[in-house]
Amino acid sequence: MPTPTGPALASGTTTVRVAPDAVFALVTDLSGLASIAVEAESMEWVSGTRAEPGAVFRGHNRNGLRRWSTRCTVTDTTEGRVFAFDVDYGPRGIVPIAHWRYDLEPTENGTLVTERMWDRRPSWFVGLGGFATGVRDRAAGNTANIEATLDRLRVVLERGGAH
């Protein structure tokens, strides 16, 4: 799926004092991404073994006592520049949930990282998803999560990349 054309439901940016390739390596490494993403507990490849269009991974998420898993399909990778994926829920991922995208731009001092999320949920699923995840206002929740995730990403990479 191409990047959605409408405005993102949630987004954030940060500048990291490392090269774009280092940021790309962290966000496309599932254990690395799970270590910095707020709701993520773990991720593993289901189809494919690396971030390339069409590869599928499962994300295991948690918010307090609430836990849920999603099916994620990589939609775009451009080495050192872009990592994007669609998130779906249910058997074989039949309910669209979100589209996530990391854009990396080289700067004089490192990399400008933009993380964005577009809501793909059908209207009938919004209330169910809020109940299941404990996040009723997904725009506010994901805006806060993106801010925290980008802060974690910056700290991890600027301290030497250990995750």
Protein backbone atom coordinates (compact mmCIF):
# COMPACT_ATOMS: atom_id res chain seq x y z
CA MET A 1 0.00 0.00 0.00
CA PRO A 2 1.35 3.46 -0.80
CA THR A 3 1.56 6.03 1.98
CA PRO A 4 -1.93 7.29 2.78
CA THR A 5 -2.64 10.67 1.23
CA GLY A 6 -4.60 12.20 4.11
CA PRO A 7 -3.15 13.66 7.26
CA ALA A 8 -1.64 11.29 9.79
CA LEU A 9 -3.65 10.62 12.95
CA ALA A 10 -0.47 10.99 15.02
CA SER A 11 3.09 12.06 14.26
CA GLY A 12 6.29 13.33 15.76
CA THR A 13 9.85 14.21 14.84
CA THR A 14 13.24 14.26 16.48
CA THR A 15 16.81 14.82 15.41
CA VAL A 16 19.29 12.08 16.26
CA ARG A 17 23.05 12.69 16.15
CA VAL A 18 23.76 9.56 14.10
CA ALA A 19 23.69 8.73 10.39
CA PRO A 20 20.39 7.68 8.75
CA ASP A 21 21.70 4.13 8.23
CA ALA A 22 22.03 3.67 12.01
CA VAL A 23 18.44 4.82 12.55
CA PHE A 24 17.24 2.58 9.73
CA ALA A 25 19.06 -0.41 11.22
CA LEU A 26 17.32 0.11 14.58
CA VAL A 27 13.76 0.61 13.29
CA THR A 28 13.97 -2.32 10.85
CA ASP A 29 15.37 -4.70 13.48
CA LEU A 30 12.24 -6.12 15.14
CA SER A 31 13.83 -6.60 18.56
CA GLY A 32 15.27 -3.09 18.36
CA LEU A 33 11.95 -1.56 17.36
CA ALA A 34 10.10 -3.49 20.09
CA SER A 35 12.63 -2.24 22.66
CA ILE A 36 11.80 1.41 21.96
CA ALA A 37 8.12 1.34 20.92
CA VAL A 38 5.86 2.14 23.88
CA GLU A 39 3.09 -0.46 23.49
CA ALA A 40 5.23 -3.17 21.86
CA GLU A 41 6.46 -6.10 23.93
CA SER A 42 7.95 -8.20 21.13
CA MET A 43 7.89 -8.75 17.40
CA GLU A 44 8.85 -11.69 15.20
CA TRP A 45 8.95 -12.44 11.50
CA VAL A 46 6.11 -14.63 10.24
CA SER A 47 6.90 -14.45 6.51
CA GLY A 48 10.33 -13.31 5.43
CA THR A 49 13.31 -12.67 7.67
CA ARG A 50 14.03 -8.99 7.12
CA ALA A 51 12.37 -5.67 6.37
CA GLU A 52 11.39 -5.77 2.71
CA PRO A 53 8.04 -5.10 1.02
CA GLY A 54 5.67 -8.04 1.51
CA ALA A 55 7.43 -9.44 4.59
CA VAL A 56 5.08 -10.07 7.52
CA PHE A 57 5.73 -9.83 11.24
CA ARG A 58 3.60 -10.30 14.33
CA GLY A 59 3.57 -7.61 16.98
CA HIS A 60 2.72 -8.45 20.59
CA ASN A 61 1.51 -5.37 22.43
CA ARG A 62 0.60 -4.37 25.96
CA ASN A 63 -1.03 -1.48 27.76
CA GLY A 64 -1.21 -2.20 31.48
CA LEU A 65 -3.05 -5.51 31.87
CA ARG A 66 -4.39 -5.43 28.32
CA ARG A 67 -2.54 -7.46 25.69
CA TRP A 68 -3.15 -7.96 21.97
CA SER A 69 -1.32 -9.12 18.87
CA THR A 70 -1.36 -7.74 15.35
CA ARG A 71 -0.20 -8.80 11.90
CA CYS A 72 2.08 -6.30 10.19
CA THR A 73 3.00 -6.25 6.50
CA VAL A 74 6.00 -4.24 5.34
CA THR A 75 4.90 -1.87 2.58
CA ASP A 76 8.01 0.21 1.95
CA THR A 77 11.71 0.09 2.70
CA THR A 78 14.27 2.41 1.24
CA GLU A 79 17.66 1.78 2.85
CA GLY A 80 18.52 4.63 5.19
CA ARG A 81 15.37 6.59 4.28
CA VAL A 82 11.98 4.84 4.81
CA PHE A 83 10.41 2.00 6.75
CA ALA A 84 6.64 1.57 6.57
CA PHE A 85 4.13 -1.15 7.39
CA ASP A 86 0.40 -1.85 7.60
CA VAL A 87 -1.06 -3.23 10.82
CA ASP A 88 -4.04 -5.61 10.73
CA TYR A 89 -5.95 -7.60 13.34
CA GLY A 90 -7.83 -10.88 13.46
CA PRO A 91 -7.52 -14.17 11.62
CA ARG A 92 -5.16 -13.64 8.69
CA GLY A 93 -5.25 -9.89 9.41
CA ILE A 94 -8.78 -9.28 8.14
CA VAL A 95 -9.38 -6.00 10.02
CA PRO A 96 -7.20 -3.05 8.92
CA ILE A 97 -5.86 -1.08 11.89
CA ALA A 98 -3.10 1.37 10.98
CA HIS A 99 -0.29 2.37 8.65
CA TRP A 100 3.02 3.29 10.34
CA ARG A 101 5.89 5.07 8.61
CA TYR A 102 9.38 6.20 9.61
CA ASP A 103 10.97 8.81 7.31
CA LEU A 104 14.67 9.55 7.76
CA GLU A 105 16.30 12.68 6.37
CA PRO A 106 20.03 13.33 6.62
CA THR A 107 20.87 16.66 8.27
CA GLU A 108 24.07 18.50 9.02
CA ASN A 109 23.97 17.11 12.58
CA GLY A 110 22.64 13.58 11.96
CA THR A 111 19.14 12.45 11.01
CA LEU A 112 15.70 14.03 11.19
CA VAL A 113 13.34 11.16 12.10
CA THR A 114 9.61 11.50 11.47
CA GLU A 115 7.28 8.79 12.77
CA ARG A 116 3.66 8.87 11.58
CA MET A 117 0.57 6.73 12.01
CA TRP A 118 -2.59 6.71 9.91
CA ASP A 119 -5.79 5.14 11.27
CA ARG A 120 -7.19 2.44 8.95
CA ARG A 121 -9.81 1.02 11.35
CA PRO A 122 -13.37 0.63 10.11
CA SER A 123 -15.76 2.79 12.16
CA TRP A 124 -17.39 -0.26 13.76
CA PHE A 125 -14.01 -1.35 15.17
CA VAL A 126 -12.96 1.95 16.80
CA GLY A 127 -14.91 1.39 20.05
CA LEU A 128 -13.91 -2.28 20.24
CA GLY A 129 -10.26 -1.39 19.73
CA GLY A 130 -10.42 1.28 22.42
CA PHE A 131 -11.89 -1.20 24.88
CA ALA A 132 -9.43 -3.97 23.97
CA THR A 133 -6.34 -1.75 24.23
CA GLY A 134 -7.47 0.61 26.97
CA VAL A 135 -6.81 3.60 24.69
CA ARG A 136 -10.07 5.35 23.84
CA ASP A 137 -8.45 8.37 22.17
CA ARG A 138 -6.01 6.77 19.74
CA ALA A 139 -4.87 10.13 18.29
CA ALA A 140 -3.79 11.47 21.71
CA GLY A 141 -2.47 8.08 22.83
CA ASN A 142 -0.35 7.52 19.75
CA THR A 143 0.90 11.11 19.73
CA ALA A 144 2.21 10.57 23.27
CA ASN A 145 3.56 7.12 22.35
CA ILE A 146 5.37 8.48 19.28
CA GLU A 147 6.98 11.23 21.36
CA ALA A 148 8.19 8.66 23.91
CA THR A 149 9.33 6.21 21.22
CA LEU A 150 11.33 8.88 19.39
CA ASP A 151 12.92 9.96 22.67
CA ARG A 152 13.91 6.34 23.39
CA LEU A 153 15.27 5.98 19.85
CA ARG A 154 17.38 9.11 20.25
CA VAL A 155 18.75 8.02 23.64
CA VAL A 156 19.59 4.48 22.48
CA LEU A 157 21.34 5.60 19.30
CA GLU A 158 23.22 8.50 20.82
CA ARG A 159 24.52 6.24 23.60
CA GLY A 160 26.05 3.89 21.10
CA GLY A 161 23.21 1.89 19.59
CA ALA A 162 22.86 -0.84 22.22
CA HIS A 163 19.28 -2.07 22.45
